[in-house]
All heavy atoms as atom14 arrays in JSON, in Angstrom:
{
  "sequence": "RVTDPGGTEVDLLAHALAHRDELILKPTLLHGGNGITA",
  "atom14_mask": [
    [1, 1, 1, 1, 1, 1, 1, 1, 1, 1, 1, 0, 0, 0],
    [1, 1, 1, 1, 1, 1, 1, 0, 0, 0, 0, 0, 0, 0],
    [1, 1, 1, 1, 1, 1, 1, 0, 0, 0, 0, 0, 0, 0],
    [1, 1, 1, 1, 1, 1, 1, 1, 0, 0, 0, 0, 0, 0],
    [1, 1, 1, 1, 1, 1, 1, 0, 0, 0, 0, 0, 0, 0],
    [1, 1, 1, 1, 0, 0, 0, 0, 0, 0, 0, 0, 0, 0],
    [1, 1, 1, 1, 0, 0, 0, 0, 0, 0, 0, 0, 0, 0],
    [1, 1, 1, 1, 1, 1, 1, 0, 0, 0, 0, 0, 0, 0],
    [1, 1, 1, 1, 1, 1, 1, 1, 1, 0, 0, 0, 0, 0],
    [1, 1, 1, 1, 1, 1, 1, 0, 0, 0, 0, 0, 0, 0],
    [1, 1, 1, 1, 1, 1, 1, 1, 0, 0, 0, 0, 0, 0],
    [1, 1, 1, 1, 1, 1, 1, 1, 0, 0, 0, 0, 0, 0],
    [1, 1, 1, 1, 1, 1, 1, 1, 0, 0, 0, 0, 0, 0],
    [1, 1, 1, 1, 1, 0, 0, 0, 0, 0, 0, 0, 0, 0],
    [1, 1, 1, 1, 1, 1, 1, 1, 1, 1, 0, 0, 0, 0],
    [1, 1, 1, 1, 1, 0, 0, 0, 0, 0, 0, 0, 0, 0],
    [1, 1, 1, 1, 1, 1, 1, 1, 0, 0, 0, 0, 0, 0],
    [1, 1, 1, 1, 1, 0, 0, 0, 0, 0, 0, 0, 0, 0],
    [1, 1, 1, 1, 1, 1, 1, 1, 1, 1, 0, 0, 0, 0],
    [1, 1, 1, 1, 1, 1, 1, 1, 1, 1, 1, 0, 0, 0],
    [1, 1, 1, 1, 1, 1, 1, 1, 0, 0, 0, 0, 0, 0],
    [1, 1, 1, 1, 1, 1, 1, 1, 1, 0, 0, 0, 0, 0],
    [1, 1, 1, 1, 1, 1, 1, 1, 0, 0, 0, 0, 0, 0],
    [1, 1, 1, 1, 1, 1, 1, 1, 0, 0, 0, 0, 0, 0],
    [1, 1, 1, 1, 1, 1, 1, 1, 0, 0, 0, 0, 0, 0],
    [1, 1, 1, 1, 1, 1, 1, 1, 1, 0, 0, 0, 0, 0],
    [1, 1, 1, 1, 1, 1, 1, 0, 0, 0, 0, 0, 0, 0],
    [1, 1, 1, 1, 1, 1, 1, 0, 0, 0, 0, 0, 0, 0],
    [1, 1, 1, 1, 1, 1, 1, 1, 0, 0, 0, 0, 0, 0],
    [1, 1, 1, 1, 1, 1, 1, 1, 0, 0, 0, 0, 0, 0],
    [1, 1, 1, 1, 1, 1, 1, 1, 1, 1, 0, 0, 0, 0],
    [1, 1, 1, 1, 0, 0, 0, 0, 0, 0, 0, 0, 0, 0],
    [1, 1, 1, 1, 0, 0, 0, 0, 0, 0, 0, 0, 0, 0],
    [1, 1, 1, 1, 1, 1, 1, 1, 0, 0, 0, 0, 0, 0],
    [1, 1, 1, 1, 0, 0, 0, 0, 0, 0, 0, 0, 0, 0],
    [1, 1, 1, 1, 1, 1, 1, 1, 0, 0, 0, 0, 0, 0],
    [1, 1, 1, 1, 1, 1, 1, 0, 0, 0, 0, 0, 0, 0],
    [1, 1, 1, 1, 1, 0, 0, 0, 0, 0, 0, 0, 0, 0]
  ],
  "atom14_positions": [
    [[52.21, -45.02, -57.69], [52.31, -45.15, -56.24], [53.52, -44.37, -55.75], [54.63, -44.52, -56.28], [52.45, -46.62, -55.83], [51.37, -47.54, -56.32], [50.03, -47.28, -55.66], [50.05, -47.57, -54.22], [49.01, -47.41, -53.41], [47.85, -46.95, -53.91], [49.1, -47.69, -52.13], [0.0, 0.0, 0.0], [0.0, 0.0, 0.0], [0.0, 0.0, 0.0]],
    [[53.32, -43.53, -54.74], [54.4, -42.74, -54.13], [54.14, -42.71, -52.63], [53.1, -43.16, -52.15], [54.45, -41.3, -54.68], [54.67, -41.29, -56.19], [53.19, -40.52, -54.31], [0.0, 0.0, 0.0], [0.0, 0.0, 0.0], [0.0, 0.0, 0.0], [0.0, 0.0, 0.0], [0.0, 0.0, 0.0], [0.0, 0.0, 0.0], [0.0, 0.0, 0.0]],
    [[55.08, -42.15, -51.89], [54.84, -41.89, -50.47], [54.45, -40.43, -50.29], [55.01, -39.55, -50.95], [56.08, -42.2, -49.62], [57.2, -41.51, -50.15], [56.35, -43.69, -49.6], [0.0, 0.0, 0.0], [0.0, 0.0, 0.0], [0.0, 0.0, 0.0], [0.0, 0.0, 0.0], [0.0, 0.0, 0.0], [0.0, 0.0, 0.0], [0.0, 0.0, 0.0]],
    [[53.48, -40.18, -49.42], [53.02, -38.82, -49.18], [53.98, -38.12, -48.22], [54.97, -38.72, -47.77], [51.57, -38.83, -48.67], [51.43, -39.44, -47.28], [52.45, -39.65, -46.58], [50.28, -39.68, -46.86], [0.0, 0.0, 0.0], [0.0, 0.0, 0.0], [0.0, 0.0, 0.0], [0.0, 0.0, 0.0], [0.0, 0.0, 0.0], [0.0, 0.0, 0.0]],
    [[53.73, -36.85, -47.88], [54.67, -36.15, -47.0], [54.85, -36.8, -45.63], [55.87, -36.58, -44.97], [54.04, -34.75, -46.87], [53.31, -34.56, -48.16], [52.76, -35.91, -48.48], [0.0, 0.0, 0.0], [0.0, 0.0, 0.0], [0.0, 0.0, 0.0], [0.0, 0.0, 0.0], [0.0, 0.0, 0.0], [0.0, 0.0, 0.0], [0.0, 0.0, 0.0]],
    [[53.91, -37.62, -45.21], [54.05, -38.32, -43.95], [54.73, -39.67, -44.07], [54.93, -40.36, -43.07], [0.0, 0.0, 0.0], [0.0, 0.0, 0.0], [0.0, 0.0, 0.0], [0.0, 0.0, 0.0], [0.0, 0.0, 0.0], [0.0, 0.0, 0.0], [0.0, 0.0, 0.0], [0.0, 0.0, 0.0], [0.0, 0.0, 0.0], [0.0, 0.0, 0.0]],
    [[55.08, -40.08, -45.29], [55.77, -41.35, -45.5], [54.88, -42.52, -45.79], [55.36, -43.66, -45.92], [0.0, 0.0, 0.0], [0.0, 0.0, 0.0], [0.0, 0.0, 0.0], [0.0, 0.0, 0.0], [0.0, 0.0, 0.0], [0.0, 0.0, 0.0], [0.0, 0.0, 0.0], [0.0, 0.0, 0.0], [0.0, 0.0, 0.0], [0.0, 0.0, 0.0]],
    [[53.58, -42.31, -45.94], [52.64, -43.38, -46.22], [52.48, -43.57, -47.72], [52.32, -42.59, -48.46], [51.26, -43.06, -45.61], [51.41, -42.9, -44.19], [50.26, -44.19, -45.89], [0.0, 0.0, 0.0], [0.0, 0.0, 0.0], [0.0, 0.0, 0.0], [0.0, 0.0, 0.0], [0.0, 0.0, 0.0], [0.0, 0.0, 0.0], [0.0, 0.0, 0.0]],
    [[52.51, -44.81, -48.19], [52.34, -45.05, -49.62], [50.9, -44.76, -50.02], [49.95, -45.21, -49.36], [52.7, -46.49, -49.98], [52.67, -46.74, -51.48], [53.17, -48.11, -51.88], [54.37, -48.4, -51.64], [52.36, -48.88, -52.41], [0.0, 0.0, 0.0], [0.0, 0.0, 0.0], [0.0, 0.0, 0.0], [0.0, 0.0, 0.0], [0.0, 0.0, 0.0]],
    [[50.75, -44.01, -51.12], [49.42, -43.59, -51.56], [49.33, -43.69, -53.08], [50.34, -43.81, -53.77], [49.11, -42.13, -51.14], [49.04, -41.99, -49.63], [50.14, -41.16, -51.73], [0.0, 0.0, 0.0], [0.0, 0.0, 0.0], [0.0, 0.0, 0.0], [0.0, 0.0, 0.0], [0.0, 0.0, 0.0], [0.0, 0.0, 0.0], [0.0, 0.0, 0.0]],
    [[48.1, -43.67, -53.58], [47.84, -43.53, -55.0], [48.07, -42.07, -55.38], [47.41, -41.17, -54.84], [46.41, -43.95, -55.31], [46.06, -43.76, -56.77], [45.62, -42.63, -57.12], [46.22, -44.7, -57.56], [0.0, 0.0, 0.0], [0.0, 0.0, 0.0], [0.0, 0.0, 0.0], [0.0, 0.0, 0.0], [0.0, 0.0, 0.0], [0.0, 0.0, 0.0]],
    [[49.02, -41.8, -56.28], [49.39, -40.41, -56.55], [48.23, -39.62, -57.14], [48.01, -38.46, -56.76], [50.59, -40.34, -57.49], [50.98, -38.91, -57.91], [51.38, -38.08, -56.71], [52.06, -38.89, -58.95], [0.0, 0.0, 0.0], [0.0, 0.0, 0.0], [0.0, 0.0, 0.0], [0.0, 0.0, 0.0], [0.0, 0.0, 0.0], [0.0, 0.0, 0.0]],
    [[47.5, -40.2, -58.09], [46.42, -39.45, -58.71], [45.39, -39.03, -57.66], [44.97, -37.87, -57.62], [45.76, -40.27, -59.81], [44.61, -39.58, -60.56], [45.08, -38.28, -61.2], [44.03, -40.52, -61.63], [0.0, 0.0, 0.0], [0.0, 0.0, 0.0], [0.0, 0.0, 0.0], [0.0, 0.0, 0.0], [0.0, 0.0, 0.0], [0.0, 0.0, 0.0]],
    [[45.01, -39.95, -56.8], [44.04, -39.62, -55.76], [44.6, -38.56, -54.8], [43.91, -37.62, -54.41], [43.65, -40.88, -54.99], [0.0, 0.0, 0.0], [0.0, 0.0, 0.0], [0.0, 0.0, 0.0], [0.0, 0.0, 0.0], [0.0, 0.0, 0.0], [0.0, 0.0, 0.0], [0.0, 0.0, 0.0], [0.0, 0.0, 0.0], [0.0, 0.0, 0.0]],
    [[45.87, -38.7, -54.46], [46.51, -37.72, -53.57], [46.55, -36.35, -54.23], [46.27, -35.33, -53.58], [47.92, -38.2, -53.22], [48.68, -37.25, -52.34], [48.52, -37.19, -50.97], [49.59, -36.29, -52.65], [49.3, -36.25, -50.48], [49.97, -35.7, -51.47], [0.0, 0.0, 0.0], [0.0, 0.0, 0.0], [0.0, 0.0, 0.0], [0.0, 0.0, 0.0]],
    [[46.91, -36.32, -55.5], [47.0, -35.05, -56.22], [45.65, -34.37, -56.33], [45.54, -33.14, -56.21], [47.61, -35.26, -57.59], [0.0, 0.0, 0.0], [0.0, 0.0, 0.0], [0.0, 0.0, 0.0], [0.0, 0.0, 0.0], [0.0, 0.0, 0.0], [0.0, 0.0, 0.0], [0.0, 0.0, 0.0], [0.0, 0.0, 0.0], [0.0, 0.0, 0.0]],
    [[44.61, -35.15, -56.56], [43.27, -34.57, -56.66], [42.81, -34.02, -55.31], [42.16, -32.97, -55.24], [42.28, -35.62, -57.16], [42.51, -36.12, -58.6], [41.47, -37.19, -58.96], [42.45, -34.97, -59.59], [0.0, 0.0, 0.0], [0.0, 0.0, 0.0], [0.0, 0.0, 0.0], [0.0, 0.0, 0.0], [0.0, 0.0, 0.0], [0.0, 0.0, 0.0]],
    [[43.15, -34.71, -54.24], [42.72, -34.28, -52.91], [43.5, -33.06, -52.43], [43.02, -32.32, -51.55], [42.88, -35.42, -51.91], [0.0, 0.0, 0.0], [0.0, 0.0, 0.0], [0.0, 0.0, 0.0], [0.0, 0.0, 0.0], [0.0, 0.0, 0.0], [0.0, 0.0, 0.0], [0.0, 0.0, 0.0], [0.0, 0.0, 0.0], [0.0, 0.0, 0.0]],
    [[44.68, -32.84, -52.98], [45.54, -31.75, -52.5], [45.92, -30.79, -53.64], [47.01, -30.23, -53.65], [46.8, -32.33, -51.87], [46.53, -33.21, -50.69], [46.35, -32.73, -49.42], [46.38, -34.57, -50.61], [46.12, -33.73, -48.59], [46.13, -34.86, -49.29], [0.0, 0.0, 0.0], [0.0, 0.0, 0.0], [0.0, 0.0, 0.0], [0.0, 0.0, 0.0]],
    [[45.0, -30.58, -54.56], [45.28, -29.77, -55.75], [45.82, -28.38, -55.39], [46.75, -27.88, -56.04], [44.01, -29.63, -56.59], [44.11, -28.67, -57.77], [42.91, -28.79, -58.69], [41.65, -28.58, -57.99], [41.07, -27.38, -57.85], [41.65, -26.3, -58.37], [39.91, -27.27, -57.23], [0.0, 0.0, 0.0], [0.0, 0.0, 0.0], [0.0, 0.0, 0.0]],
    [[45.26, -27.74, -54.37], [45.67, -26.37, -54.02], [47.07, -26.32, -53.4], [47.59, -25.22, -53.19], [44.67, -25.75, -53.04], [43.37, -25.35, -53.72], [43.35, -25.32, -54.96], [42.38, -25.09, -53.01], [0.0, 0.0, 0.0], [0.0, 0.0, 0.0], [0.0, 0.0, 0.0], [0.0, 0.0, 0.0], [0.0, 0.0, 0.0], [0.0, 0.0, 0.0]],
    [[47.68, -27.47, -53.13], [48.98, -27.49, -52.47], [50.06, -28.12, -53.33], [51.17, -28.36, -52.84], [48.88, -28.27, -51.15], [47.95, -27.63, -50.13], [48.41, -26.23, -49.73], [49.64, -25.99, -49.65], [47.54, -25.36, -49.52], [0.0, 0.0, 0.0], [0.0, 0.0, 0.0], [0.0, 0.0, 0.0], [0.0, 0.0, 0.0], [0.0, 0.0, 0.0]],
    [[49.78, -28.34, -54.62], [50.74, -29.05, -55.46], [50.97, -28.31, -56.78], [50.1, -27.59, -57.28], [50.23, -30.46, -55.77], [50.08, -31.41, -54.57], [49.43, -32.71, -54.99], [51.42, -31.67, -53.9], [0.0, 0.0, 0.0], [0.0, 0.0, 0.0], [0.0, 0.0, 0.0], [0.0, 0.0, 0.0], [0.0, 0.0, 0.0], [0.0, 0.0, 0.0]],
    [[52.17, -28.52, -57.33], [52.53, -27.94, -58.62], [53.2, -29.03, -59.46], [54.01, -29.82, -58.95], [53.45, -26.7, -58.43], [53.71, -26.01, -59.76], [54.74, -27.05, -57.71], [54.32, -24.61, -59.61], [0.0, 0.0, 0.0], [0.0, 0.0, 0.0], [0.0, 0.0, 0.0], [0.0, 0.0, 0.0], [0.0, 0.0, 0.0], [0.0, 0.0, 0.0]],
    [[52.82, -29.11, -60.73], [53.33, -30.12, -61.66], [54.41, -29.51, -62.54], [54.21, -28.43, -63.12], [52.17, -30.65, -62.51], [52.49, -31.67, -63.6], [52.92, -33.0, -62.99], [51.28, -31.86, -64.53], [0.0, 0.0, 0.0], [0.0, 0.0, 0.0], [0.0, 0.0, 0.0], [0.0, 0.0, 0.0], [0.0, 0.0, 0.0], [0.0, 0.0, 0.0]],
    [[55.56, -30.19, -62.66], [56.68, -29.65, -63.42], [57.29, -30.71, -64.33], [57.51, -31.84, -63.89], [57.78, -29.14, -62.47], [57.36, -28.05, -61.51], [58.53, -27.64, -60.62], [58.17, -26.49, -59.71], [59.32, -26.07, -58.86], [0.0, 0.0, 0.0], [0.0, 0.0, 0.0], [0.0, 0.0, 0.0], [0.0, 0.0, 0.0], [0.0, 0.0, 0.0]],
    [[57.61, -30.37, -65.59], [58.39, -31.28, -66.43], [59.84, -31.29, -65.96], [60.36, -30.28, -65.47], [58.25, -30.67, -67.82], [58.04, -29.2, -67.57], [57.28, -29.11, -66.28], [0.0, 0.0, 0.0], [0.0, 0.0, 0.0], [0.0, 0.0, 0.0], [0.0, 0.0, 0.0], [0.0, 0.0, 0.0], [0.0, 0.0, 0.0], [0.0, 0.0, 0.0]],
    [[60.5, -32.42, -66.12], [61.86, -32.53, -65.59], [62.89, -31.79, -66.43], [63.91, -31.34, -65.91], [62.28, -34.01, -65.48], [62.2, -34.62, -66.77], [61.4, -34.74, -64.5], [0.0, 0.0, 0.0], [0.0, 0.0, 0.0], [0.0, 0.0, 0.0], [0.0, 0.0, 0.0], [0.0, 0.0, 0.0], [0.0, 0.0, 0.0], [0.0, 0.0, 0.0]],
    [[62.67, -31.66, -67.74], [63.73, -31.18, -68.61], [63.57, -29.74, -69.09], [64.55, -29.11, -69.47], [63.86, -32.09, -69.84], [64.44, -33.48, -69.58], [64.4, -34.32, -70.84], [65.87, -33.37, -69.07], [0.0, 0.0, 0.0], [0.0, 0.0, 0.0], [0.0, 0.0, 0.0], [0.0, 0.0, 0.0], [0.0, 0.0, 0.0], [0.0, 0.0, 0.0]],
    [[62.37, -29.19, -69.09], [62.19, -27.84, -69.61], [62.63, -26.82, -68.59], [62.8, -27.11, -67.42], [60.73, -27.63, -70.02], [60.19, -28.58, -71.09], [58.77, -28.19, -71.46], [61.08, -28.57, -72.32], [0.0, 0.0, 0.0], [0.0, 0.0, 0.0], [0.0, 0.0, 0.0], [0.0, 0.0, 0.0], [0.0, 0.0, 0.0], [0.0, 0.0, 0.0]],
    [[62.79, -25.56, -69.05], [63.27, -24.5, -68.17], [62.42, -23.26, -68.37], [61.55, -23.2, -69.25], [64.74, -24.19, -68.46], [64.96, -23.41, -69.73], [64.8, -23.98, -70.98], [65.29, -22.11, -69.94], [65.04, -23.06, -71.9], [65.33, -21.92, -71.31], [0.0, 0.0, 0.0], [0.0, 0.0, 0.0], [0.0, 0.0, 0.0], [0.0, 0.0, 0.0]],
    [[62.68, -22.24, -67.55], [62.01, -20.95, -67.71], [60.53, -20.97, -67.41], [59.78, -20.12, -67.89], [0.0, 0.0, 0.0], [0.0, 0.0, 0.0], [0.0, 0.0, 0.0], [0.0, 0.0, 0.0], [0.0, 0.0, 0.0], [0.0, 0.0, 0.0], [0.0, 0.0, 0.0], [0.0, 0.0, 0.0], [0.0, 0.0, 0.0], [0.0, 0.0, 0.0]],
    [[60.08, -21.94, -66.6], [58.66, -22.02, -66.27], [57.81, -22.72, -67.31], [56.59, -22.84, -67.14], [0.0, 0.0, 0.0], [0.0, 0.0, 0.0], [0.0, 0.0, 0.0], [0.0, 0.0, 0.0], [0.0, 0.0, 0.0], [0.0, 0.0, 0.0], [0.0, 0.0, 0.0], [0.0, 0.0, 0.0], [0.0, 0.0, 0.0], [0.0, 0.0, 0.0]],
    [[58.45, -23.19, -68.41], [57.68, -23.85, -69.47], [57.11, -25.18, -68.99], [57.81, -25.99, -68.36], [58.57, -24.09, -70.7], [58.99, -22.8, -71.36], [58.19, -21.9, -71.51], [60.26, -22.71, -71.75], [0.0, 0.0, 0.0], [0.0, 0.0, 0.0], [0.0, 0.0, 0.0], [0.0, 0.0, 0.0], [0.0, 0.0, 0.0], [0.0, 0.0, 0.0]],
    [[55.85, -25.42, -69.3], [55.22, -26.69, -68.99], [54.76, -26.88, -67.57], [54.25, -27.94, -67.21], [0.0, 0.0, 0.0], [0.0, 0.0, 0.0], [0.0, 0.0, 0.0], [0.0, 0.0, 0.0], [0.0, 0.0, 0.0], [0.0, 0.0, 0.0], [0.0, 0.0, 0.0], [0.0, 0.0, 0.0], [0.0, 0.0, 0.0], [0.0, 0.0, 0.0]],
    [[54.9, -25.86, -66.74], [54.52, -25.98, -65.33], [53.03, -25.71, -65.17], [52.47, -24.81, -65.79], [55.34, -24.99, -64.47], [56.79, -25.49, -64.36], [54.74, -24.82, -63.09], [57.7, -24.55, -63.6], [0.0, 0.0, 0.0], [0.0, 0.0, 0.0], [0.0, 0.0, 0.0], [0.0, 0.0, 0.0], [0.0, 0.0, 0.0], [0.0, 0.0, 0.0]],
    [[52.38, -26.51, -64.32], [50.97, -26.3, -63.99], [50.82, -26.23, -62.48], [51.16, -27.19, -61.77], [50.09, -27.45, -64.52], [50.23, -27.56, -65.94], [48.62, -27.2, -64.19], [0.0, 0.0, 0.0], [0.0, 0.0, 0.0], [0.0, 0.0, 0.0], [0.0, 0.0, 0.0], [0.0, 0.0, 0.0], [0.0, 0.0, 0.0], [0.0, 0.0, 0.0]],
    [[50.36, -25.09, -61.97], [50.07, -24.95, -60.55], [48.64, -25.42, -60.3], [47.7, -24.94, -60.94], [50.23, -23.49, -60.12], [0.0, 0.0, 0.0], [0.0, 0.0, 0.0], [0.0, 0.0, 0.0], [0.0, 0.0, 0.0], [0.0, 0.0, 0.0], [0.0, 0.0, 0.0], [0.0, 0.0, 0.0], [0.0, 0.0, 0.0], [0.0, 0.0, 0.0]]
  ]
}
């Protein structure tokens, strides 16, 4: 559960699926673009 850009609490998986073209997934610790999924 997270808040969306408008501040409304949402289910993250559902939000991510609905907005796939506008989101990028990043690992917190790696560098140099490793592990990133657009």
